Amino acid sequence: MSQVTGAQSLVNSLEAAGVDVMFGIPGGAILPAYDP
């Protein structure tokens, strides 16, 4: 079984909720969410 990163879990949740546009939040604290 492959591991799912926190970023991928976030993307999966947003897709499941029907989100198709997400505005960026600048700063180092959010950078891990942008990693694939």
N, C-alpha and C. Protein backbone atom coordinates (compact mmCIF):
# COMPACT_ATOMS: atom_id res chain seq x y z
N MET A 1 0.85 -1.17 0.00
CA MET A 1 0.00 0.00 0.00
C MET A 1 0.90 1.24 0.00
N SER A 2 0.60 2.20 -0.85
CA SER A 2 1.41 3.40 -0.92
C SER A 2 0.95 4.42 0.11
N GLN A 3 1.91 5.22 0.57
CA GLN A 3 1.59 6.26 1.54
C GLN A 3 1.03 7.48 0.83
N VAL A 4 0.13 8.17 1.48
CA VAL A 4 -0.45 9.40 0.95
C VAL A 4 0.11 10.55 1.78
N THR A 5 0.67 11.54 1.10
CA THR A 5 1.21 12.70 1.80
C THR A 5 0.08 13.59 2.29
N GLY A 6 0.41 14.48 3.21
CA GLY A 6 -0.58 15.44 3.68
C GLY A 6 -1.09 16.32 2.56
N ALA A 7 -0.18 16.69 1.65
CA ALA A 7 -0.56 17.53 0.51
C ALA A 7 -1.56 16.79 -0.39
N GLN A 8 -1.30 15.50 -0.64
CA GLN A 8 -2.21 14.74 -1.50
C GLN A 8 -3.55 14.54 -0.82
N SER A 9 -3.53 14.34 0.48
CA SER A 9 -4.78 14.21 1.22
C SER A 9 -5.60 15.50 1.14
N LEU A 10 -4.93 16.65 1.23
CA LEU A 10 -5.61 17.94 1.09
C LEU A 10 -6.23 18.08 -0.29
N VAL A 11 -5.46 17.75 -1.33
CA VAL A 11 -5.97 17.84 -2.70
C VAL A 11 -7.14 16.89 -2.90
N ASN A 12 -7.02 15.68 -2.41
CA ASN A 12 -8.12 14.71 -2.54
C ASN A 12 -9.40 15.23 -1.89
N SER A 13 -9.26 15.83 -0.71
CA SER A 13 -10.43 16.37 -0.01
C SER A 13 -11.06 17.52 -0.77
N LEU A 14 -10.22 18.41 -1.31
CA LEU A 14 -10.74 19.54 -2.08
C LEU A 14 -11.44 19.06 -3.35
N GLU A 15 -10.85 18.08 -4.03
CA GLU A 15 -11.48 17.54 -5.24
C GLU A 15 -12.81 16.88 -4.90
N ALA A 16 -12.85 16.14 -3.80
CA ALA A 16 -14.09 15.47 -3.40
C ALA A 16 -15.19 16.48 -3.06
N ALA A 17 -14.78 17.66 -2.61
CA ALA A 17 -15.74 18.71 -2.27
C ALA A 17 -16.14 19.53 -3.50
N GLY A 18 -15.56 19.21 -4.66
CA GLY A 18 -15.92 19.91 -5.88
C GLY A 18 -15.15 21.20 -6.11
N VAL A 19 -14.09 21.42 -5.35
CA VAL A 19 -13.28 22.63 -5.52
C VAL A 19 -12.45 22.49 -6.78
N ASP A 20 -12.50 23.51 -7.65
CA ASP A 20 -11.67 23.48 -8.86
C ASP A 20 -10.75 24.69 -8.96
N VAL A 21 -10.89 25.65 -8.05
CA VAL A 21 -10.00 26.81 -8.01
C VAL A 21 -9.59 27.03 -6.56
N MET A 22 -8.29 27.23 -6.35
CA MET A 22 -7.78 27.51 -5.01
C MET A 22 -6.79 28.65 -5.13
N PHE A 23 -7.00 29.68 -4.35
CA PHE A 23 -6.08 30.81 -4.36
C PHE A 23 -4.91 30.50 -3.44
N GLY A 24 -3.74 30.96 -3.83
CA GLY A 24 -2.53 30.69 -3.06
C GLY A 24 -2.40 31.54 -1.82
N ILE A 25 -1.69 31.02 -0.86
CA ILE A 25 -1.36 31.74 0.36
C ILE A 25 0.16 31.83 0.41
N PRO A 26 0.73 33.03 0.32
CA PRO A 26 2.18 33.14 0.33
C PRO A 26 2.76 32.85 1.71
N GLY A 27 3.96 32.34 1.71
CA GLY A 27 4.65 32.11 2.97
C GLY A 27 5.15 30.69 3.10
N GLY A 28 6.16 30.52 3.90
CA GLY A 28 6.79 29.22 4.08
C GLY A 28 5.92 28.19 4.77
N ALA A 29 4.98 28.63 5.59
CA ALA A 29 4.17 27.69 6.35
C ALA A 29 3.28 26.84 5.46
N ILE A 30 2.89 27.33 4.30
CA ILE A 30 1.97 26.61 3.41
C ILE A 30 2.72 25.79 2.35
N LEU A 31 4.02 25.98 2.21
CA LEU A 31 4.77 25.33 1.14
C LEU A 31 4.61 23.81 1.09
N PRO A 32 4.58 23.08 2.20
CA PRO A 32 4.40 21.63 2.10
C PRO A 32 3.09 21.22 1.43
N ALA A 33 2.07 22.05 1.49
CA ALA A 33 0.79 21.71 0.86
C ALA A 33 0.88 21.79 -0.65
N TYR A 34 1.87 22.52 -1.18
CA TYR A 34 2.03 22.64 -2.62
C TYR A 34 2.86 21.51 -3.22
N ASP A 35 3.57 20.76 -2.39
CA ASP A 35 4.41 19.67 -2.88
C ASP A 35 3.55 18.50 -3.30
N PRO A 36 3.90 17.86 -4.42
CA PRO A 36 3.10 16.70 -4.87
C PRO A 36 3.26 15.50 -3.97
